[in-house]
């Protein structure tokens, strides 16, 4: 629903929702998920605890909402790039660039996810995981379509199934971003997207 079509009441609720999420993110980032209570989030966001529970069933529900919003922002930004009116090589270059931009722009949520959600003591739940997998699969299919179209236009050689190439590029870019997250000074994310793309485009074996 577009912002202009929302009623004033709906706009107020959307604003309150975002203010609560922003307060929770600040607290989670500072203290960790397990060390923050719903009361603290209510105080930080300056809403009554009862109002907070009208928006979220519990702290886990709030946390899942944060992560889902992050994934949706990623998917929307990348989908826009992959569906743009560019040739396939330029689409892949923009994909590598934009993936890094969105990652960096949402670094607080990403650091929180790596710090908390990957631990064995925290389970996001089957339903939540299913939503993430569905969005990830849609993303990989869009990336697959770019490789497939490039092959049909003879931009790319048919060296592998387009889906495998999509998985490979998705995994390589993630690996570079995780290295950057751990040590930005020692593992900077390449400014030139061809540094990453040439791993696939040129390969390792000398001609």
N, C-alpha and C. Protein backbone atom coordinates (compact mmCIF):
# COMPACT_ATOMS: atom_id res chain seq x y z
N UNK A 1 0.84 -1.19 0.00
CA UNK A 1 0.00 0.00 0.00
C UNK A 1 0.88 1.25 0.00
N UNK A 2 0.57 2.17 -0.91
CA UNK A 2 1.38 3.36 -1.00
C UNK A 2 1.08 4.30 0.16
N UNK A 3 2.12 5.08 0.56
CA UNK A 3 2.00 6.00 1.68
C UNK A 3 0.83 6.96 1.50
N UNK A 4 0.62 7.47 0.26
CA UNK A 4 -0.42 8.45 0.00
C UNK A 4 -1.83 7.87 0.18
N UNK A 5 -1.99 6.56 0.06
CA UNK A 5 -3.30 5.94 0.17
C UNK A 5 -3.64 5.52 1.60
N UNK A 6 -2.68 5.63 2.52
CA UNK A 6 -2.93 5.27 3.90
C UNK A 6 -3.74 6.35 4.60
N UNK A 7 -4.61 5.94 5.50
CA UNK A 7 -5.33 6.91 6.32
C UNK A 7 -4.37 7.47 7.38
N UNK A 8 -4.77 8.55 8.02
CA UNK A 8 -3.91 9.13 9.06
C UNK A 8 -3.65 8.12 10.17
N UNK A 9 -4.68 7.38 10.55
CA UNK A 9 -4.53 6.36 11.61
C UNK A 9 -3.52 5.28 11.18
N UNK A 10 -3.61 4.87 9.92
CA UNK A 10 -2.68 3.85 9.42
C UNK A 10 -1.25 4.38 9.36
N UNK A 11 -1.11 5.65 8.98
CA UNK A 11 0.23 6.25 8.96
C UNK A 11 0.82 6.33 10.37
N UNK A 12 -0.02 6.67 11.34
CA UNK A 12 0.44 6.74 12.73
C UNK A 12 0.88 5.36 13.23
N UNK A 13 0.10 4.33 12.88
CA UNK A 13 0.46 2.98 13.31
C UNK A 13 1.76 2.53 12.66
N UNK A 14 1.93 2.86 11.40
CA UNK A 14 3.17 2.49 10.70
C UNK A 14 4.37 3.19 11.32
N UNK A 15 4.19 4.47 11.68
CA UNK A 15 5.27 5.22 12.32
C UNK A 15 5.63 4.62 13.67
N UNK A 16 4.61 4.30 14.48
CA UNK A 16 4.83 3.69 15.78
C UNK A 16 5.56 2.35 15.65
N UNK A 17 5.13 1.57 14.67
CA UNK A 17 5.75 0.27 14.40
C UNK A 17 7.24 0.42 14.14
N UNK A 18 7.60 1.38 13.29
CA UNK A 18 9.00 1.60 12.95
C UNK A 18 9.79 2.15 14.14
N UNK A 19 9.17 3.00 14.95
CA UNK A 19 9.85 3.54 16.12
C UNK A 19 10.16 2.43 17.13
N UNK A 20 9.25 1.50 17.28
CA UNK A 20 9.48 0.37 18.19
C UNK A 20 10.60 -0.52 17.67
N UNK A 21 10.60 -0.78 16.37
CA UNK A 21 11.66 -1.61 15.79
C UNK A 21 13.01 -0.92 15.92
N UNK A 22 13.06 0.38 15.69
CA UNK A 22 14.32 1.12 15.80
C UNK A 22 14.85 1.08 17.21
N UNK A 23 13.96 1.24 18.20
CA UNK A 23 14.39 1.19 19.60
C UNK A 23 14.90 -0.20 19.95
N UNK A 24 14.20 -1.22 19.50
CA UNK A 24 14.63 -2.60 19.76
C UNK A 24 15.99 -2.88 19.14
N UNK A 25 16.19 -2.41 17.92
CA UNK A 25 17.47 -2.64 17.25
C UNK A 25 18.62 -1.99 18.01
N UNK A 26 18.39 -0.77 18.49
CA UNK A 26 19.43 -0.08 19.27
C UNK A 26 19.79 -0.90 20.52
N UNK A 27 18.78 -1.39 21.21
CA UNK A 27 19.02 -2.15 22.43
C UNK A 27 19.64 -3.51 22.15
N UNK A 28 19.12 -4.20 21.14
CA UNK A 28 19.68 -5.51 20.79
C UNK A 28 21.15 -5.37 20.39
N UNK A 29 21.45 -4.33 19.61
CA UNK A 29 22.82 -4.13 19.14
C UNK A 29 23.77 -3.82 20.30
N UNK A 30 23.25 -3.10 21.30
CA UNK A 30 24.08 -2.71 22.45
C UNK A 30 24.26 -3.84 23.44
N UNK A 31 23.16 -4.59 23.73
CA UNK A 31 23.19 -5.56 24.82
C UNK A 31 23.11 -7.02 24.36
N UNK A 32 22.67 -7.25 23.13
CA UNK A 32 22.41 -8.62 22.70
C UNK A 32 20.95 -8.97 22.91
N UNK A 33 20.42 -9.83 22.07
CA UNK A 33 19.00 -10.20 22.11
C UNK A 33 18.56 -10.68 23.48
N UNK A 34 19.33 -11.58 24.08
CA UNK A 34 18.91 -12.24 25.31
C UNK A 34 18.94 -11.32 26.53
N UNK A 35 19.62 -10.19 26.43
CA UNK A 35 19.77 -9.30 27.58
C UNK A 35 18.84 -8.09 27.54
N UNK A 36 17.87 -8.14 26.65
CA UNK A 36 16.92 -7.02 26.51
C UNK A 36 15.51 -7.53 26.80
N UNK A 37 14.75 -6.76 27.54
CA UNK A 37 13.37 -7.12 27.86
C UNK A 37 12.39 -6.26 27.06
N UNK A 38 11.16 -6.72 26.98
CA UNK A 38 10.12 -5.94 26.31
C UNK A 38 9.88 -4.62 27.06
N UNK A 39 10.01 -4.63 28.37
CA UNK A 39 9.86 -3.39 29.14
C UNK A 39 10.89 -2.35 28.73
N UNK A 40 12.13 -2.80 28.52
CA UNK A 40 13.18 -1.87 28.10
C UNK A 40 12.88 -1.29 26.72
N UNK A 41 12.38 -2.15 25.83
CA UNK A 41 12.04 -1.69 24.48
C UNK A 41 10.91 -0.66 24.54
N UNK A 42 9.92 -0.92 25.39
CA UNK A 42 8.81 0.03 25.54
C UNK A 42 9.31 1.37 26.06
N UNK A 43 10.18 1.34 27.07
CA UNK A 43 10.74 2.58 27.62
C UNK A 43 11.57 3.33 26.58
N UNK A 44 12.40 2.58 25.86
CA UNK A 44 13.27 3.20 24.85
C UNK A 44 12.45 3.86 23.75
N UNK A 45 11.39 3.22 23.33
CA UNK A 45 10.56 3.75 22.24
C UNK A 45 9.52 4.74 22.73
N UNK A 46 9.42 4.88 24.07
CA UNK A 46 8.49 5.83 24.70
C UNK A 46 7.02 5.47 24.43
N UNK A 47 6.74 4.14 24.47
CA UNK A 47 5.37 3.66 24.38
C UNK A 47 5.07 2.82 25.62
N UNK A 48 3.80 2.73 25.96
CA UNK A 48 3.40 1.87 27.06
C UNK A 48 3.64 0.41 26.68
N UNK A 49 3.94 -0.41 27.68
CA UNK A 49 4.21 -1.82 27.40
C UNK A 49 3.00 -2.49 26.73
N UNK A 50 1.78 -2.07 27.12
CA UNK A 50 0.58 -2.63 26.50
C UNK A 50 0.49 -2.29 25.02
N UNK A 51 0.94 -1.09 24.65
CA UNK A 51 0.94 -0.69 23.25
C UNK A 51 1.93 -1.54 22.46
N UNK A 52 3.08 -1.81 23.05
CA UNK A 52 4.09 -2.64 22.39
C UNK A 52 3.52 -4.02 22.09
N UNK A 53 2.78 -4.58 23.06
CA UNK A 53 2.23 -5.93 22.87
C UNK A 53 1.05 -5.94 21.88
N UNK A 54 0.51 -4.78 21.56
CA UNK A 54 -0.51 -4.74 20.51
C UNK A 54 0.11 -4.94 19.13
N UNK A 55 1.40 -4.60 19.02
CA UNK A 55 2.11 -4.74 17.74
C UNK A 55 2.86 -6.08 17.64
N UNK A 56 3.37 -6.57 18.74
CA UNK A 56 4.20 -7.78 18.73
C UNK A 56 3.77 -8.71 19.87
N UNK A 57 3.67 -10.00 19.54
CA UNK A 57 3.23 -10.98 20.55
C UNK A 57 4.24 -11.10 21.69
N UNK A 58 5.51 -11.05 21.34
CA UNK A 58 6.58 -11.19 22.32
C UNK A 58 7.89 -10.69 21.69
N UNK A 59 8.97 -10.84 22.43
CA UNK A 59 10.26 -10.34 21.94
C UNK A 59 10.72 -11.09 20.70
N UNK A 60 10.48 -12.39 20.66
CA UNK A 60 10.89 -13.17 19.49
C UNK A 60 10.14 -12.72 18.24
N UNK A 61 8.85 -12.43 18.39
CA UNK A 61 8.06 -11.94 17.27
C UNK A 61 8.62 -10.62 16.76
N UNK A 62 9.01 -9.74 17.66
CA UNK A 62 9.60 -8.45 17.28
C UNK A 62 10.93 -8.67 16.55
N UNK A 63 11.74 -9.57 17.05
CA UNK A 63 13.04 -9.86 16.45
C UNK A 63 12.89 -10.44 15.04
N UNK A 64 11.95 -11.35 14.89
CA UNK A 64 11.69 -11.93 13.57
C UNK A 64 11.25 -10.85 12.58
N UNK A 65 10.44 -9.91 13.06
CA UNK A 65 9.98 -8.82 12.20
C UNK A 65 11.17 -7.99 11.71
N UNK A 66 12.13 -7.72 12.61
CA UNK A 66 13.34 -7.00 12.22
C UNK A 66 14.08 -7.72 11.11
N UNK A 67 14.28 -9.02 11.29
CA UNK A 67 15.03 -9.79 10.30
C UNK A 67 14.28 -9.90 8.97
N UNK A 68 12.97 -10.09 9.05
CA UNK A 68 12.18 -10.18 7.82
C UNK A 68 12.24 -8.89 7.03
N UNK A 69 12.19 -7.76 7.72
CA UNK A 69 12.28 -6.47 7.03
C UNK A 69 13.63 -6.33 6.34
N UNK A 70 14.68 -6.79 7.00
CA UNK A 70 16.02 -6.75 6.40
C UNK A 70 16.06 -7.59 5.13
N UNK A 71 15.58 -8.83 5.21
CA UNK A 71 15.59 -9.71 4.05
C UNK A 71 14.76 -9.13 2.91
N UNK A 72 13.61 -8.56 3.25
CA UNK A 72 12.76 -7.97 2.22
C UNK A 72 13.45 -6.79 1.53
N UNK A 73 14.17 -5.97 2.31
CA UNK A 73 14.92 -4.86 1.72
C UNK A 73 15.99 -5.38 0.78
N UNK A 74 16.69 -6.42 1.20
CA UNK A 74 17.69 -7.04 0.34
C UNK A 74 17.07 -7.51 -0.97
N UNK A 75 15.99 -8.29 -0.84
CA UNK A 75 15.39 -8.90 -2.03
C UNK A 75 14.84 -7.85 -2.99
N UNK A 76 14.18 -6.82 -2.45
CA UNK A 76 13.62 -5.77 -3.31
C UNK A 76 14.71 -5.03 -4.08
N UNK A 77 15.81 -4.69 -3.38
CA UNK A 77 16.90 -3.96 -4.03
C UNK A 77 17.56 -4.81 -5.10
N UNK A 78 17.80 -6.08 -4.79
CA UNK A 78 18.47 -6.96 -5.75
C UNK A 78 17.54 -7.32 -6.92
N UNK A 79 16.26 -7.51 -6.62
CA UNK A 79 15.31 -7.82 -7.68
C UNK A 79 15.23 -6.68 -8.69
N UNK A 80 15.25 -5.46 -8.19
CA UNK A 80 15.20 -4.29 -9.07
C UNK A 80 16.40 -4.28 -10.01
N UNK A 81 17.57 -4.61 -9.49
CA UNK A 81 18.78 -4.66 -10.30
C UNK A 81 18.69 -5.76 -11.35
N UNK A 82 18.25 -6.93 -10.95
CA UNK A 82 18.21 -8.08 -11.86
C UNK A 82 17.15 -7.95 -12.94
N UNK A 83 16.15 -7.11 -12.70
CA UNK A 83 15.08 -6.91 -13.69
C UNK A 83 15.25 -5.63 -14.49
N UNK A 84 16.34 -4.91 -14.26
CA UNK A 84 16.58 -3.65 -14.96
C UNK A 84 16.84 -3.88 -16.45
N UNK A 85 16.67 -2.81 -17.25
CA UNK A 85 16.89 -2.91 -18.69
C UNK A 85 18.36 -2.67 -19.01
N UNK A 86 19.19 -3.62 -18.62
CA UNK A 86 20.62 -3.60 -18.87
C UNK A 86 20.99 -4.93 -19.50
N UNK A 87 22.19 -5.00 -20.12
CA UNK A 87 22.62 -6.31 -20.59
C UNK A 87 23.01 -7.15 -19.38
N UNK A 88 23.16 -8.47 -19.61
CA UNK A 88 23.33 -9.40 -18.50
C UNK A 88 24.62 -9.15 -17.71
N UNK A 89 25.69 -8.79 -18.37
CA UNK A 89 26.95 -8.53 -17.67
C UNK A 89 26.81 -7.32 -16.76
N UNK A 90 26.16 -6.27 -17.26
CA UNK A 90 25.99 -5.07 -16.43
C UNK A 90 25.04 -5.34 -15.26
N UNK A 91 24.03 -6.19 -15.49
CA UNK A 91 23.14 -6.57 -14.39
C UNK A 91 23.93 -7.25 -13.27
N UNK A 92 24.85 -8.13 -13.63
CA UNK A 92 25.64 -8.84 -12.62
C UNK A 92 26.58 -7.88 -11.91
N UNK A 93 27.15 -6.93 -12.64
CA UNK A 93 28.02 -5.93 -11.99
C UNK A 93 27.21 -5.12 -10.96
N UNK A 94 26.03 -4.67 -11.36
CA UNK A 94 25.20 -3.89 -10.45
C UNK A 94 24.73 -4.73 -9.26
N UNK A 95 24.49 -6.01 -9.51
CA UNK A 95 24.11 -6.93 -8.43
C UNK A 95 25.20 -6.99 -7.36
N UNK A 96 26.45 -7.13 -7.77
CA UNK A 96 27.56 -7.19 -6.83
C UNK A 96 27.68 -5.88 -6.05
N UNK A 97 27.51 -4.76 -6.74
CA UNK A 97 27.60 -3.45 -6.09
C UNK A 97 26.47 -3.24 -5.07
N UNK A 98 25.25 -3.46 -5.54
CA UNK A 98 24.07 -3.16 -4.71
C UNK A 98 24.01 -4.09 -3.50
N UNK A 99 24.42 -5.33 -3.67
CA UNK A 99 24.42 -6.26 -2.54
C UNK A 99 25.28 -5.71 -1.41
N UNK A 100 26.44 -5.17 -1.76
CA UNK A 100 27.33 -4.59 -0.75
C UNK A 100 26.71 -3.33 -0.14
N UNK A 101 26.07 -2.51 -0.96
CA UNK A 101 25.47 -1.26 -0.47
C UNK A 101 24.37 -1.54 0.55
N UNK A 102 23.49 -2.50 0.24
CA UNK A 102 22.40 -2.83 1.15
C UNK A 102 22.95 -3.46 2.43
N UNK A 103 23.94 -4.31 2.29
CA UNK A 103 24.59 -4.95 3.44
C UNK A 103 25.14 -3.88 4.39
N UNK A 104 25.88 -2.93 3.82
CA UNK A 104 26.50 -1.90 4.65
C UNK A 104 25.46 -0.97 5.26
N UNK A 105 24.39 -0.70 4.53
CA UNK A 105 23.36 0.22 5.02
C UNK A 105 22.56 -0.37 6.17
N UNK A 106 22.60 -1.69 6.33
CA UNK A 106 21.84 -2.36 7.38
C UNK A 106 22.75 -3.15 8.31
N UNK A 107 23.94 -2.62 8.53
CA UNK A 107 24.97 -3.36 9.25
C UNK A 107 24.56 -3.69 10.68
N UNK A 108 23.77 -2.82 11.34
CA UNK A 108 23.37 -3.09 12.72
C UNK A 108 22.54 -4.36 12.83
N UNK A 109 21.58 -4.53 11.92
CA UNK A 109 20.74 -5.73 11.93
C UNK A 109 21.57 -6.96 11.57
N UNK A 110 22.47 -6.81 10.62
CA UNK A 110 23.28 -7.94 10.18
C UNK A 110 24.23 -8.40 11.28
N UNK A 111 24.85 -7.46 11.98
CA UNK A 111 25.73 -7.82 13.10
C UNK A 111 24.92 -8.54 14.18
N UNK A 112 23.72 -8.06 14.45
CA UNK A 112 22.86 -8.69 15.43
C UNK A 112 22.53 -10.11 15.01
N UNK A 113 22.21 -10.29 13.74
CA UNK A 113 21.86 -11.62 13.24
C UNK A 113 23.02 -12.59 13.41
N UNK A 114 24.20 -12.18 13.01
CA UNK A 114 25.36 -13.06 13.11
C UNK A 114 25.72 -13.34 14.57
N UNK A 115 25.51 -12.36 15.44
CA UNK A 115 25.86 -12.53 16.85
C UNK A 115 24.87 -13.43 17.59
N UNK A 116 23.58 -13.35 17.23
CA UNK A 116 22.54 -14.03 18.00
C UNK A 116 21.88 -15.20 17.27
N UNK A 117 21.43 -14.96 16.05
CA UNK A 117 20.59 -15.95 15.38
C UNK A 117 21.34 -17.19 14.97
N UNK A 118 22.65 -17.11 14.80
CA UNK A 118 23.42 -18.27 14.35
C UNK A 118 23.77 -19.18 15.52
N UNK A 119 23.55 -18.74 16.74
CA UNK A 119 23.91 -19.56 17.89
C UNK A 119 22.94 -20.71 18.09
N UNK A 120 23.41 -21.77 18.71
CA UNK A 120 22.57 -22.95 18.91
C UNK A 120 21.48 -22.70 19.94
N UNK A 121 21.62 -21.65 20.75
CA UNK A 121 20.64 -21.39 21.80
C UNK A 121 19.43 -20.62 21.31
N UNK A 122 19.45 -20.23 20.04
CA UNK A 122 18.35 -19.39 19.54
C UNK A 122 17.76 -20.03 18.29
N UNK A 123 16.47 -20.34 18.34
CA UNK A 123 15.81 -20.99 17.22
C UNK A 123 14.74 -20.07 16.66
N UNK A 124 14.86 -19.74 15.38
CA UNK A 124 13.92 -18.80 14.77
C UNK A 124 12.58 -19.45 14.41
N UNK A 125 12.53 -20.76 14.35
CA UNK A 125 11.26 -21.42 14.10
C UNK A 125 11.07 -21.82 12.65
N UNK A 126 10.31 -22.89 12.45
CA UNK A 126 10.12 -23.46 11.12
C UNK A 126 9.39 -22.50 10.19
N UNK A 127 8.32 -21.86 10.68
CA UNK A 127 7.55 -20.95 9.82
C UNK A 127 8.39 -19.79 9.34
N UNK A 128 9.18 -19.23 10.23
CA UNK A 128 10.04 -18.10 9.87
C UNK A 128 11.08 -18.56 8.85
N UNK A 129 11.74 -19.68 9.13
CA UNK A 129 12.75 -20.20 8.21
C UNK A 129 12.18 -20.45 6.82
N UNK A 130 10.93 -20.91 6.78
CA UNK A 130 10.27 -21.18 5.50
C UNK A 130 10.10 -19.90 4.69
N UNK A 131 9.73 -18.80 5.35
CA UNK A 131 9.58 -17.51 4.66
C UNK A 131 10.92 -17.05 4.08
N UNK A 132 11.98 -17.21 4.88
CA UNK A 132 13.31 -16.81 4.42
C UNK A 132 13.73 -17.63 3.22
N UNK A 133 13.51 -18.95 3.30
CA UNK A 133 13.89 -19.83 2.19
C UNK A 133 13.11 -19.50 0.92
N UNK A 134 11.84 -19.18 1.07
CA UNK A 134 11.01 -18.83 -0.10
C UNK A 134 11.55 -17.58 -0.78
N UNK A 135 11.90 -16.56 0.00
CA UNK A 135 12.44 -15.33 -0.57
C UNK A 135 13.81 -15.57 -1.20
N UNK A 136 14.63 -16.40 -0.53
CA UNK A 136 15.95 -16.70 -1.07
C UNK A 136 15.85 -17.47 -2.38
N UNK A 137 14.89 -18.39 -2.46
CA UNK A 137 14.73 -19.17 -3.68
C UNK A 137 14.27 -18.27 -4.83
N UNK A 138 13.37 -17.31 -4.54
CA UNK A 138 12.93 -16.37 -5.57
C UNK A 138 14.11 -15.53 -6.06
N UNK A 139 14.96 -15.14 -5.14
CA UNK A 139 16.16 -14.38 -5.50
C UNK A 139 17.08 -15.19 -6.40
N UNK A 140 17.31 -16.45 -6.05
CA UNK A 140 18.18 -17.30 -6.87
C UNK A 140 17.59 -17.55 -8.24
N UNK A 141 16.27 -17.67 -8.33
CA UNK A 141 15.63 -17.87 -9.63
C UNK A 141 15.80 -16.65 -10.52
N UNK A 142 15.71 -15.44 -9.93
CA UNK A 142 15.92 -14.21 -10.71
C UNK A 142 17.37 -14.13 -11.20
N UNK A 143 18.31 -14.52 -10.36
CA UNK A 143 19.71 -14.53 -10.75
C UNK A 143 19.97 -15.60 -11.81
N UNK A 144 19.31 -16.74 -11.67
CA UNK A 144 19.41 -17.81 -12.67
C UNK A 144 18.94 -17.32 -14.03
N UNK A 145 17.85 -16.55 -14.04
CA UNK A 145 17.29 -16.03 -15.29
C UNK A 145 18.29 -15.13 -16.01
N UNK A 146 19.10 -14.39 -15.25
CA UNK A 146 20.11 -13.52 -15.87
C UNK A 146 21.17 -14.37 -16.55
N UNK A 147 21.67 -15.39 -15.87
CA UNK A 147 22.67 -16.28 -16.49
C UNK A 147 22.09 -17.00 -17.71
N UNK A 148 20.84 -17.44 -17.59
CA UNK A 148 20.20 -18.15 -18.70
C UNK A 148 20.04 -17.24 -19.92
N UNK A 149 19.60 -16.00 -19.69
CA UNK A 149 19.44 -15.05 -20.79
C UNK A 149 20.78 -14.72 -21.42
N UNK A 150 21.82 -14.60 -20.59
CA UNK A 150 23.16 -14.33 -21.12
C UNK A 150 23.67 -15.45 -22.00
N UNK A 151 23.32 -16.69 -21.65
CA UNK A 151 23.71 -17.84 -22.47
C UNK A 151 22.97 -17.83 -23.81
N UNK A 152 21.69 -17.51 -23.78
CA UNK A 152 20.90 -17.48 -25.01
C UNK A 152 21.40 -16.39 -25.95
N UNK A 153 21.93 -15.30 -25.39
CA UNK A 153 22.45 -14.19 -26.20
C UNK A 153 23.94 -14.36 -26.50
N UNK A 154 24.47 -15.52 -26.11
CA UNK A 154 25.88 -15.85 -26.35
C UNK A 154 26.85 -14.89 -25.65
N UNK A 155 26.40 -14.29 -24.55
CA UNK A 155 27.31 -13.50 -23.72
C UNK A 155 28.11 -14.42 -22.80
N UNK A 156 27.48 -15.52 -22.39
CA UNK A 156 28.12 -16.48 -21.49
C UNK A 156 28.23 -17.84 -22.15
N UNK A 157 29.31 -18.54 -21.86
CA UNK A 157 29.45 -19.92 -22.30
C UNK A 157 28.56 -20.82 -21.44
N UNK A 158 28.15 -21.93 -22.00
CA UNK A 158 27.32 -22.87 -21.24
C UNK A 158 28.23 -23.83 -20.47
N UNK A 159 28.94 -23.27 -19.48
CA UNK A 159 29.90 -24.10 -18.73
C UNK A 159 29.24 -24.84 -17.57
N UNK A 160 28.03 -24.42 -17.20
CA UNK A 160 27.33 -25.05 -16.09
C UNK A 160 25.86 -24.68 -16.14
N UNK A 161 25.06 -25.39 -15.38
CA UNK A 161 23.65 -25.06 -15.25
C UNK A 161 23.53 -23.62 -14.72
N UNK A 162 22.67 -22.79 -15.33
CA UNK A 162 22.53 -21.40 -14.86
C UNK A 162 22.21 -21.29 -13.37
N UNK A 163 21.45 -22.25 -12.85
CA UNK A 163 21.12 -22.23 -11.42
C UNK A 163 22.37 -22.42 -10.57
N UNK A 164 23.26 -23.31 -10.99
CA UNK A 164 24.50 -23.53 -10.24
C UNK A 164 25.36 -22.26 -10.24
N UNK A 165 25.37 -21.56 -11.38
CA UNK A 165 26.12 -20.31 -11.45
C UNK A 165 25.51 -19.26 -10.53
N UNK A 166 24.18 -19.23 -10.44
CA UNK A 166 23.51 -18.29 -9.54
C UNK A 166 23.87 -18.58 -8.09
N UNK A 167 23.85 -19.85 -7.72
CA UNK A 167 24.23 -20.24 -6.36
C UNK A 167 25.68 -19.87 -6.08
N UNK A 168 26.55 -20.09 -7.06
CA UNK A 168 27.97 -19.79 -6.89
C UNK A 168 28.19 -18.30 -6.67
N UNK A 169 27.56 -17.45 -7.49
CA UNK A 169 27.77 -16.01 -7.35
C UNK A 169 27.16 -15.50 -6.04
N UNK A 170 25.99 -15.99 -5.69
CA UNK A 170 25.36 -15.61 -4.42
C UNK A 170 26.28 -15.97 -3.25
N UNK A 171 26.86 -17.16 -3.29
CA UNK A 171 27.72 -17.63 -2.20
C UNK A 171 29.04 -16.86 -2.14
N UNK A 172 29.62 -16.57 -3.30
CA UNK A 172 30.90 -15.84 -3.33
C UNK A 172 30.73 -14.43 -2.77
N UNK A 173 29.66 -13.74 -3.19
CA UNK A 173 29.45 -12.38 -2.68
C UNK A 173 29.19 -12.38 -1.18
N UNK A 174 28.44 -13.37 -0.70
CA UNK A 174 28.19 -13.47 0.74
C UNK A 174 29.50 -13.69 1.50
N UNK A 175 30.35 -14.55 0.95
CA UNK A 175 31.63 -14.84 1.61
C UNK A 175 32.49 -13.59 1.72
N UNK A 176 32.55 -12.79 0.67
CA UNK A 176 33.31 -11.55 0.71
C UNK A 176 32.73 -10.58 1.75
N UNK A 177 31.39 -10.52 1.84
CA UNK A 177 30.76 -9.61 2.79
C UNK A 177 30.98 -10.05 4.24
N UNK A 178 30.96 -11.36 4.48
CA UNK A 178 31.21 -11.86 5.83
C UNK A 178 32.66 -11.58 6.23
N UNK A 179 33.60 -11.76 5.31
CA UNK A 179 35.00 -11.43 5.60
C UNK A 179 35.14 -9.95 5.93
N UNK A 180 34.47 -9.10 5.15
CA UNK A 180 34.53 -7.66 5.40
C UNK A 180 33.93 -7.33 6.77
N UNK A 181 32.83 -8.00 7.12
CA UNK A 181 32.18 -7.75 8.41
C UNK A 181 33.12 -8.09 9.56
N UNK A 182 33.87 -9.18 9.42
CA UNK A 182 34.78 -9.62 10.48
C UNK A 182 36.00 -8.73 10.60
N UNK A 183 36.51 -8.25 9.46
CA UNK A 183 37.73 -7.44 9.49
C UNK A 183 37.77 -6.50 8.28
N UNK A 184 37.09 -5.35 8.38
CA UNK A 184 37.03 -4.42 7.24
C UNK A 184 38.39 -3.96 6.74
N UNK A 185 39.34 -3.76 7.65
CA UNK A 185 40.66 -3.27 7.26
C UNK A 185 41.46 -4.32 6.49
N UNK A 186 41.35 -5.57 6.92
CA UNK A 186 42.14 -6.64 6.29
C UNK A 186 41.43 -7.31 5.11
N UNK A 187 40.10 -7.23 5.10
CA UNK A 187 39.34 -7.89 4.02
C UNK A 187 38.30 -6.93 3.44
N UNK A 188 38.73 -5.85 2.80
CA UNK A 188 37.76 -4.91 2.23
C UNK A 188 36.97 -5.55 1.09
N UNK A 189 35.71 -5.19 1.00
CA UNK A 189 34.90 -5.68 -0.11
C UNK A 189 35.36 -4.98 -1.37
N UNK A 190 35.62 -5.71 -2.46
CA UNK A 190 36.16 -5.09 -3.69
C UNK A 190 35.26 -3.98 -4.23
N UNK A 191 35.85 -2.83 -4.51
CA UNK A 191 35.10 -1.73 -5.11
C UNK A 191 34.74 -2.03 -6.56
N UNK A 192 35.62 -2.75 -7.25
CA UNK A 192 35.39 -3.13 -8.64
C UNK A 192 34.67 -4.47 -8.66
N UNK A 193 33.42 -4.54 -9.11
CA UNK A 193 32.68 -5.80 -9.10
C UNK A 193 33.33 -6.90 -9.94
N UNK A 194 34.14 -6.51 -10.93
CA UNK A 194 34.78 -7.52 -11.77
C UNK A 194 35.81 -8.35 -11.00
N UNK A 195 36.29 -7.84 -9.87
CA UNK A 195 37.21 -8.64 -9.03
C UNK A 195 36.50 -9.92 -8.59
N UNK A 196 35.22 -9.78 -8.25
CA UNK A 196 34.43 -10.96 -7.86
C UNK A 196 33.92 -11.71 -9.09
N UNK A 197 33.39 -11.00 -10.05
CA UNK A 197 32.80 -11.66 -11.23
C UNK A 197 33.83 -12.46 -12.02
N UNK A 198 35.08 -12.00 -12.04
CA UNK A 198 36.10 -12.71 -12.81
C UNK A 198 36.44 -14.08 -12.22
N UNK A 199 36.08 -14.31 -10.97
CA UNK A 199 36.24 -15.64 -10.39
C UNK A 199 35.41 -16.64 -11.19
N UNK A 200 34.24 -16.17 -11.63
CA UNK A 200 33.38 -17.00 -12.47
C UNK A 200 33.68 -16.80 -13.95
N UNK A 201 33.85 -15.55 -14.38
CA UNK A 201 34.03 -15.25 -15.79
C UNK A 201 35.32 -15.82 -16.37
N UNK A 202 36.40 -15.73 -15.59
CA UNK A 202 37.70 -16.15 -16.12
C UNK A 202 38.20 -17.46 -15.53
N UNK A 203 37.78 -17.77 -14.33
CA UNK A 203 38.20 -19.02 -13.73
C UNK A 203 39.65 -19.02 -13.32
N UNK A 204 40.13 -20.19 -12.90
CA UNK A 204 41.46 -20.31 -12.34
C UNK A 204 42.49 -20.90 -13.29
N UNK A 205 42.07 -21.81 -14.14
CA UNK A 205 43.00 -22.54 -14.99
C UNK A 205 43.52 -21.63 -16.12
N UNK A 206 44.83 -21.59 -16.29
CA UNK A 206 45.45 -20.78 -17.34
C UNK A 206 45.15 -21.38 -18.71
N UNK A 207 44.97 -20.55 -19.74
CA UNK A 207 44.67 -21.08 -21.08
C UNK A 207 45.88 -21.78 -21.66
